[in-house]
């Protein structure tokens, strides 16, 4: 039930605040090795101010965070990752355009 509500809220936020949304792609150090690593990141980062969506990939060693650029920035999100034990490197930080939202 939580997942359905989260998906609905995410969709609404993406539609409502598209102009201010950004997508941050990070690579974590130490590397993620399992679902527990992914869950640790997702469960902690979802409470950070401005975070709309979090996707992780153990295979690609990436954390993709969609966030509201008016409420936070890449540096604050990297600091939050450091608090849970992960140093990060920014791969990209770009605005989310309407066309990209429809593809996802």
N, C-alpha and C. Protein backbone atom coordinates (compact mmCIF):
# COMPACT_ATOMS: atom_id res chain seq x y z
N UNK A 1 0.82 -1.19 0.00
CA UNK A 1 0.00 0.00 0.00
C UNK A 1 0.87 1.26 0.00
N UNK A 2 1.96 1.22 0.80
CA UNK A 2 2.86 2.37 0.86
C UNK A 2 3.45 2.67 -0.51
N UNK A 3 3.80 1.61 -1.24
CA UNK A 3 4.43 1.79 -2.56
C UNK A 3 3.46 2.44 -3.54
N UNK A 4 2.17 2.07 -3.45
CA UNK A 4 1.18 2.66 -4.35
C UNK A 4 1.01 4.14 -4.04
N UNK A 5 0.91 4.47 -2.75
CA UNK A 5 0.77 5.87 -2.37
C UNK A 5 2.01 6.68 -2.76
N UNK A 6 3.18 6.10 -2.57
CA UNK A 6 4.42 6.78 -2.94
C UNK A 6 4.46 7.03 -4.45
N UNK A 7 4.04 6.05 -5.24
CA UNK A 7 4.03 6.20 -6.70
C UNK A 7 3.06 7.30 -7.12
N UNK A 8 1.90 7.34 -6.48
CA UNK A 8 0.91 8.37 -6.82
C UNK A 8 1.43 9.75 -6.45
N UNK A 9 2.01 9.87 -5.26
CA UNK A 9 2.54 11.16 -4.82
C UNK A 9 3.68 11.62 -5.72
N UNK A 10 4.54 10.69 -6.09
CA UNK A 10 5.65 11.02 -6.99
C UNK A 10 5.14 11.53 -8.32
N UNK A 11 4.14 10.86 -8.87
CA UNK A 11 3.58 11.27 -10.16
C UNK A 11 2.98 12.67 -10.07
N UNK A 12 2.24 12.92 -8.99
CA UNK A 12 1.64 14.24 -8.82
C UNK A 12 2.69 15.33 -8.67
N UNK A 13 3.73 15.05 -7.91
CA UNK A 13 4.80 16.02 -7.73
C UNK A 13 5.54 16.29 -9.04
N UNK A 14 5.76 15.25 -9.81
CA UNK A 14 6.44 15.42 -11.08
C UNK A 14 5.61 16.27 -12.04
N UNK A 15 4.29 16.09 -12.02
CA UNK A 15 3.42 16.87 -12.90
C UNK A 15 3.31 18.31 -12.42
N UNK A 16 3.21 18.51 -11.12
CA UNK A 16 2.97 19.84 -10.57
C UNK A 16 4.19 20.74 -10.59
N UNK A 17 5.35 20.19 -10.29
CA UNK A 17 6.52 21.04 -10.14
C UNK A 17 7.60 20.82 -11.16
N UNK A 18 7.22 20.52 -12.38
CA UNK A 18 8.19 20.17 -13.40
C UNK A 18 9.27 21.20 -13.68
N UNK A 19 8.97 22.47 -13.55
CA UNK A 19 9.93 23.51 -13.89
C UNK A 19 11.13 23.52 -12.94
N UNK A 20 10.93 23.10 -11.70
CA UNK A 20 11.99 23.17 -10.70
C UNK A 20 12.66 21.83 -10.43
N UNK A 21 12.22 20.78 -11.09
CA UNK A 21 12.78 19.46 -10.82
C UNK A 21 14.13 19.27 -11.51
N UNK A 22 15.01 18.60 -10.77
CA UNK A 22 16.34 18.29 -11.30
C UNK A 22 16.60 16.81 -11.06
N UNK A 23 17.48 16.24 -11.88
CA UNK A 23 17.87 14.85 -11.73
C UNK A 23 19.37 14.80 -11.45
N UNK A 24 19.71 14.27 -10.29
CA UNK A 24 21.09 14.15 -9.86
C UNK A 24 21.50 12.68 -9.95
N UNK A 25 22.59 12.40 -10.66
CA UNK A 25 23.11 11.04 -10.75
C UNK A 25 24.43 11.01 -9.99
N UNK A 26 24.51 10.10 -9.00
CA UNK A 26 25.69 9.97 -8.16
C UNK A 26 26.26 8.56 -8.25
N UNK A 27 27.57 8.44 -8.03
CA UNK A 27 28.18 7.13 -7.83
C UNK A 27 28.68 7.10 -6.39
N UNK A 28 28.27 6.09 -5.62
CA UNK A 28 28.65 6.02 -4.21
C UNK A 28 29.96 5.28 -3.97
N UNK A 29 30.65 5.70 -2.90
CA UNK A 29 31.83 5.00 -2.41
C UNK A 29 31.67 4.88 -0.91
N UNK A 30 31.67 3.72 -0.31
CA UNK A 30 31.90 2.41 -0.91
C UNK A 30 30.77 2.01 -1.85
N UNK A 31 31.07 1.03 -2.69
CA UNK A 31 30.08 0.59 -3.66
C UNK A 31 28.92 -0.12 -2.98
N UNK A 32 27.76 -0.06 -3.65
CA UNK A 32 26.60 -0.83 -3.21
C UNK A 32 26.83 -2.27 -3.65
N UNK A 33 26.51 -3.23 -2.76
CA UNK A 33 26.73 -4.63 -3.09
C UNK A 33 25.46 -5.46 -3.15
N UNK A 34 24.37 -4.95 -2.55
CA UNK A 34 23.18 -5.77 -2.43
C UNK A 34 21.94 -4.90 -2.24
N UNK A 35 20.80 -5.57 -2.12
CA UNK A 35 19.53 -4.87 -1.90
C UNK A 35 19.55 -4.11 -0.58
N UNK A 36 20.26 -4.61 0.41
CA UNK A 36 20.33 -3.91 1.70
C UNK A 36 21.01 -2.55 1.55
N UNK A 37 22.04 -2.49 0.73
CA UNK A 37 22.72 -1.22 0.46
C UNK A 37 21.75 -0.24 -0.21
N UNK A 38 21.02 -0.73 -1.20
CA UNK A 38 20.05 0.11 -1.91
C UNK A 38 18.98 0.61 -0.94
N UNK A 39 18.47 -0.29 -0.10
CA UNK A 39 17.42 0.08 0.84
C UNK A 39 17.92 1.10 1.86
N UNK A 40 19.16 0.96 2.30
CA UNK A 40 19.72 1.92 3.25
C UNK A 40 19.70 3.32 2.65
N UNK A 41 20.11 3.43 1.39
CA UNK A 41 20.14 4.73 0.72
C UNK A 41 18.72 5.26 0.53
N UNK A 42 17.83 4.43 -0.01
CA UNK A 42 16.46 4.86 -0.26
C UNK A 42 15.74 5.26 1.02
N UNK A 43 15.88 4.44 2.05
CA UNK A 43 15.16 4.71 3.30
C UNK A 43 15.65 5.95 4.01
N UNK A 44 16.90 6.29 3.87
CA UNK A 44 17.42 7.49 4.51
C UNK A 44 17.25 8.74 3.67
N UNK A 45 17.45 8.63 2.37
CA UNK A 45 17.39 9.81 1.50
C UNK A 45 15.96 10.29 1.23
N UNK A 46 14.98 9.42 1.37
CA UNK A 46 13.61 9.84 1.08
C UNK A 46 13.11 10.92 2.03
N UNK A 47 13.76 11.07 3.18
CA UNK A 47 13.35 12.08 4.15
C UNK A 47 14.07 13.42 3.96
N UNK A 48 15.00 13.47 3.04
CA UNK A 48 15.71 14.73 2.80
C UNK A 48 14.77 15.73 2.12
N UNK A 49 14.87 16.96 2.54
CA UNK A 49 14.03 18.02 2.01
C UNK A 49 14.20 18.14 0.49
N UNK A 50 13.07 18.17 -0.22
CA UNK A 50 13.09 18.37 -1.66
C UNK A 50 13.20 17.11 -2.49
N UNK A 51 13.49 15.96 -1.88
CA UNK A 51 13.63 14.72 -2.63
C UNK A 51 12.25 14.23 -3.08
N UNK A 52 12.12 13.96 -4.39
CA UNK A 52 10.87 13.51 -4.97
C UNK A 52 10.92 12.02 -5.28
N UNK A 53 12.07 11.55 -5.78
CA UNK A 53 12.18 10.16 -6.22
C UNK A 53 13.64 9.71 -6.12
N UNK A 54 13.82 8.43 -5.76
CA UNK A 54 15.17 7.87 -5.66
C UNK A 54 15.19 6.53 -6.39
N UNK A 55 16.16 6.34 -7.25
CA UNK A 55 16.36 5.08 -7.94
C UNK A 55 17.81 4.67 -7.72
N UNK A 56 18.02 3.39 -7.45
CA UNK A 56 19.39 2.89 -7.27
C UNK A 56 19.63 1.72 -8.22
N UNK A 57 20.89 1.52 -8.56
CA UNK A 57 21.28 0.39 -9.41
C UNK A 57 22.61 -0.17 -8.93
N UNK A 58 22.57 -1.38 -8.40
CA UNK A 58 23.80 -2.04 -7.96
C UNK A 58 24.68 -2.34 -9.18
N UNK A 59 24.04 -2.77 -10.28
CA UNK A 59 24.79 -3.13 -11.49
C UNK A 59 25.57 -1.94 -12.05
N UNK A 60 24.93 -0.77 -12.11
CA UNK A 60 25.57 0.41 -12.67
C UNK A 60 26.27 1.26 -11.62
N UNK A 61 26.07 0.92 -10.34
CA UNK A 61 26.64 1.68 -9.22
C UNK A 61 26.23 3.15 -9.28
N UNK A 62 24.90 3.37 -9.46
CA UNK A 62 24.40 4.73 -9.51
C UNK A 62 23.22 4.92 -8.56
N UNK A 63 23.11 6.14 -8.10
CA UNK A 63 21.95 6.59 -7.33
C UNK A 63 21.40 7.79 -8.10
N UNK A 64 20.15 7.70 -8.52
CA UNK A 64 19.51 8.78 -9.27
C UNK A 64 18.46 9.40 -8.35
N UNK A 65 18.64 10.69 -8.07
CA UNK A 65 17.72 11.39 -7.18
C UNK A 65 17.05 12.51 -7.97
N UNK A 66 15.72 12.45 -8.03
CA UNK A 66 14.95 13.54 -8.60
C UNK A 66 14.56 14.44 -7.44
N UNK A 67 14.88 15.73 -7.56
CA UNK A 67 14.63 16.63 -6.44
C UNK A 67 14.14 17.99 -6.91
N UNK A 68 13.52 18.71 -5.98
CA UNK A 68 13.03 20.05 -6.24
C UNK A 68 14.18 21.02 -6.02
N UNK A 69 14.61 21.66 -7.07
CA UNK A 69 15.75 22.57 -7.03
C UNK A 69 15.53 23.81 -6.18
N UNK A 70 14.28 24.12 -5.85
CA UNK A 70 14.00 25.26 -4.98
C UNK A 70 14.14 24.91 -3.51
N UNK A 71 14.15 23.60 -3.21
CA UNK A 71 14.20 23.18 -1.81
C UNK A 71 15.56 22.62 -1.38
N UNK A 72 16.36 22.17 -2.33
CA UNK A 72 17.66 21.61 -2.00
C UNK A 72 18.57 21.70 -3.22
N UNK A 73 19.80 21.22 -3.07
CA UNK A 73 20.75 21.22 -4.19
C UNK A 73 21.63 19.98 -4.10
N UNK A 74 22.47 19.80 -5.11
CA UNK A 74 23.32 18.62 -5.19
C UNK A 74 24.26 18.51 -3.99
N UNK A 75 24.81 19.63 -3.57
CA UNK A 75 25.76 19.63 -2.45
C UNK A 75 25.09 19.14 -1.16
N UNK A 76 23.86 19.60 -0.91
CA UNK A 76 23.13 19.18 0.30
C UNK A 76 22.81 17.69 0.24
N UNK A 77 22.48 17.19 -0.95
CA UNK A 77 22.17 15.77 -1.09
C UNK A 77 23.43 14.92 -0.92
N UNK A 78 24.57 15.42 -1.42
CA UNK A 78 25.83 14.70 -1.21
C UNK A 78 26.19 14.67 0.28
N UNK A 79 25.93 15.75 0.99
CA UNK A 79 26.18 15.80 2.43
C UNK A 79 25.31 14.78 3.15
N UNK A 80 24.06 14.66 2.74
CA UNK A 80 23.15 13.69 3.34
C UNK A 80 23.63 12.26 3.08
N UNK A 81 24.15 12.01 1.88
CA UNK A 81 24.69 10.68 1.57
C UNK A 81 25.90 10.38 2.45
N UNK A 82 26.73 11.39 2.69
CA UNK A 82 27.91 11.21 3.52
C UNK A 82 27.51 10.84 4.95
N UNK A 83 26.41 11.42 5.44
CA UNK A 83 25.93 11.13 6.80
C UNK A 83 25.55 9.66 6.97
N UNK A 84 25.13 9.01 5.89
CA UNK A 84 24.77 7.59 5.99
C UNK A 84 25.91 6.67 5.54
N UNK A 85 27.08 7.26 5.34
CA UNK A 85 28.26 6.44 5.09
C UNK A 85 28.74 6.33 3.66
N UNK A 86 28.25 7.17 2.77
CA UNK A 86 28.65 7.09 1.37
C UNK A 86 29.22 8.41 0.88
N UNK A 87 30.47 8.40 0.44
CA UNK A 87 31.01 9.53 -0.30
C UNK A 87 30.45 9.37 -1.71
N UNK A 88 30.26 10.46 -2.41
CA UNK A 88 29.67 10.38 -3.75
C UNK A 88 30.40 11.28 -4.73
N UNK A 89 30.29 10.89 -6.00
CA UNK A 89 30.79 11.70 -7.10
C UNK A 89 29.60 12.01 -8.00
N UNK A 90 29.46 13.27 -8.40
CA UNK A 90 28.36 13.67 -9.28
C UNK A 90 28.68 13.26 -10.71
N UNK A 91 27.80 12.46 -11.30
CA UNK A 91 27.92 12.08 -12.70
C UNK A 91 27.21 13.13 -13.55
N UNK A 92 26.02 13.53 -13.10
CA UNK A 92 25.29 14.60 -13.79
C UNK A 92 24.28 15.22 -12.84
N UNK A 93 23.93 16.46 -13.12
CA UNK A 93 22.91 17.19 -12.38
C UNK A 93 22.24 18.10 -13.39
N UNK A 94 21.05 17.70 -13.84
CA UNK A 94 20.41 18.43 -14.92
C UNK A 94 18.92 18.63 -14.63
N UNK A 95 18.34 19.64 -15.25
CA UNK A 95 16.90 19.86 -15.10
C UNK A 95 16.11 18.73 -15.75
N UNK A 96 14.97 18.40 -15.16
CA UNK A 96 14.08 17.42 -15.74
C UNK A 96 13.12 18.17 -16.65
N UNK A 97 13.08 17.76 -17.91
CA UNK A 97 12.17 18.41 -18.85
C UNK A 97 10.91 17.58 -18.98
N UNK A 98 9.86 18.18 -19.51
CA UNK A 98 8.57 17.50 -19.63
C UNK A 98 8.68 16.24 -20.47
N UNK A 99 9.46 16.26 -21.53
CA UNK A 99 9.63 15.09 -22.38
C UNK A 99 10.27 13.93 -21.65
N UNK A 100 11.23 14.23 -20.76
CA UNK A 100 11.89 13.17 -20.00
C UNK A 100 10.93 12.54 -19.01
N UNK A 101 10.03 13.33 -18.41
CA UNK A 101 9.08 12.79 -17.45
C UNK A 101 8.14 11.79 -18.09
N UNK A 102 7.73 12.06 -19.33
CA UNK A 102 6.80 11.17 -20.00
C UNK A 102 7.44 9.82 -20.32
N UNK A 103 8.74 9.80 -20.58
CA UNK A 103 9.45 8.57 -20.93
C UNK A 103 9.55 7.62 -19.75
N UNK A 104 9.62 8.16 -18.53
CA UNK A 104 9.85 7.33 -17.35
C UNK A 104 8.61 6.66 -16.86
